[in-house]
Amino acid sequence: MDTFTGRFVHFNRVVNPVNALYLDQTLVEFSHRVSELRQRSKTLTNIEQKEMDHKSLILSSSVNPDTLEVIPWHMRTTTFVPMGMPIMAGMLMTAPTLPNIIFW
C-alpha cells in the first residue's frame, strides 16, 4: 500500500465482481471467523493469516465498516461497474433531444 502499484492492485482486488457472488449468510460467517482470528492474531499460522486476509478483503467490499451490516447486493463496491454499465449505455445511446437531455 506504499506505492501506486500496491494501491492499484488492492483496489482491483476489492472491486473484483467475483466478490459479489457471496451470499449474505456467507458474509456473516466470514465476519465471525475474521473477528475470531483477530482476537488471537499473535498465534496465527501462515494458512490462518492468509485465510483472514482473504476474508477481510471480501468483507471490506461487502460490509459497512461502521455498522457491520451487510450492504445490499446491488449497492456493493464490487457491483459498481456491472450495475453502472446499463445506465451509461442508455445515456450514451439515446438521441440528444431536449427531453432526453432534461430527464437524463
Protein backbone atom coordinates (compact mmCIF):
# COMPACT_ATOMS: atom_id res chain seq x y z
CA MET A 1 0.00 0.00 0.00
CA ASP A 2 3.06 2.27 -0.01
CA THR A 3 3.29 2.58 -3.79
CA PHE A 4 0.85 3.38 -6.53
CA THR A 5 1.08 -0.17 -7.83
CA GLY A 6 0.26 -1.61 -4.40
CA ARG A 7 -2.78 0.63 -4.02
CA PHE A 8 -3.90 -0.18 -7.57
CA VAL A 9 -3.66 -3.94 -7.00
CA HIS A 10 -5.52 -3.63 -3.67
CA PHE A 11 -8.31 -1.60 -5.31
CA ASN A 12 -8.65 -4.16 -8.11
CA ARG A 13 -8.94 -6.95 -5.55
CA VAL A 14 -11.63 -5.06 -3.61
CA VAL A 15 -13.79 -4.22 -6.65
CA ASN A 16 -13.48 -7.67 -8.22
CA PRO A 17 -17.03 -8.59 -9.37
CA VAL A 18 -16.49 -12.21 -8.25
CA ASN A 19 -16.68 -10.95 -4.65
CA ALA A 20 -20.32 -10.01 -5.27
CA LEU A 21 -21.28 -13.66 -5.60
CA TYR A 22 -21.00 -14.33 -1.86
CA LEU A 23 -24.36 -14.66 -0.10
CA ASP A 24 -25.28 -12.58 2.94
CA GLN A 25 -25.13 -15.60 5.25
CA THR A 26 -21.63 -16.43 4.00
CA LEU A 27 -20.52 -12.86 4.71
CA VAL A 28 -21.84 -13.09 8.27
CA GLU A 29 -19.89 -16.33 8.74
CA PHE A 30 -16.77 -14.65 7.31
CA SER A 31 -17.24 -11.77 9.73
CA HIS A 32 -17.43 -14.10 12.72
CA ARG A 33 -14.39 -16.05 11.57
CA VAL A 34 -12.32 -12.90 10.97
CA SER A 35 -13.18 -11.48 14.38
CA GLU A 36 -12.23 -14.82 15.94
CA LEU A 37 -8.89 -14.82 14.12
CA ARG A 38 -8.18 -11.19 15.05
CA GLN A 39 -8.64 -11.98 18.74
CA ARG A 40 -5.78 -14.44 18.61
CA SER A 41 -3.75 -12.71 15.92
CA LYS A 42 -0.40 -13.31 17.65
CA THR A 43 -0.67 -17.10 17.37
CA LEU A 44 -1.94 -17.47 13.80
CA THR A 45 -0.39 -19.95 11.42
CA ASN A 46 0.52 -18.86 7.90
CA ILE A 47 -2.59 -20.53 6.47
CA GLU A 48 -4.86 -18.84 9.01
CA GLN A 49 -3.25 -15.46 8.23
CA LYS A 50 -3.93 -15.94 4.51
CA GLU A 51 -7.49 -17.01 5.28
CA MET A 52 -8.04 -13.91 7.40
CA ASP A 53 -6.58 -11.63 4.72
CA HIS A 54 -8.78 -13.16 2.00
CA LYS A 55 -11.97 -12.95 4.05
CA SER A 56 -11.15 -9.42 5.24
CA LEU A 57 -10.74 -8.33 1.62
CA ILE A 58 -14.17 -9.72 0.71
CA LEU A 59 -15.74 -8.13 3.79
CA SER A 60 -14.20 -4.74 3.01
CA SER A 61 -16.26 -4.53 -0.18
CA SER A 62 -19.48 -6.07 1.17
CA VAL A 63 -19.93 -4.96 4.78
CA ASN A 64 -20.41 -1.47 6.19
CA PRO A 65 -17.36 -0.80 8.41
CA ASP A 66 -19.29 1.39 10.87
CA THR A 67 -22.43 -0.67 11.49
CA LEU A 68 -21.07 -4.08 10.35
CA GLU A 69 -24.25 -4.66 8.36
CA VAL A 70 -24.14 -6.44 5.02
CA ILE A 71 -24.62 -3.99 2.16
CA PRO A 72 -27.38 -4.95 -0.33
CA TRP A 73 -26.00 -6.74 -3.37
CA HIS A 74 -26.76 -4.03 -5.93
CA MET A 75 -25.10 -1.30 -3.83
CA ARG A 76 -21.77 -3.00 -3.06
CA THR A 77 -18.42 -1.75 -4.31
CA THR A 78 -17.98 -4.92 -6.34
CA THR A 79 -21.13 -4.31 -8.39
CA PHE A 80 -20.41 -0.67 -9.23
CA VAL A 81 -19.28 -1.39 -12.79
CA PRO A 82 -21.81 -4.12 -13.70
CA MET A 83 -24.72 -2.06 -12.34
CA GLY A 84 -23.49 1.20 -13.88
CA MET A 85 -22.83 -0.11 -17.38
CA PRO A 86 -26.51 -0.31 -18.47
CA ILE A 87 -27.09 3.22 -17.20
CA MET A 88 -24.05 4.56 -19.05
CA ALA A 89 -25.01 2.68 -22.21
CA GLY A 90 -28.52 4.13 -22.04
CA MET A 91 -27.17 7.63 -21.58
CA LEU A 92 -24.69 7.32 -24.45
CA MET A 93 -27.04 5.65 -26.94
CA THR A 94 -30.05 7.93 -26.66
CA ALA A 95 -30.54 10.67 -29.18
CA PRO A 96 -29.63 14.14 -27.87
CA THR A 97 -33.16 15.56 -27.93
CA LEU A 98 -34.40 18.12 -25.42
CA PRO A 99 -36.46 15.63 -23.31
CA ASN A 100 -33.52 13.20 -23.20
CA ILE A 101 -31.17 15.96 -22.07
CA ILE A 102 -33.55 17.13 -19.33
CA PHE A 103 -34.51 13.72 -17.94
CA TRP A 104 -31.11 12.03 -18.17
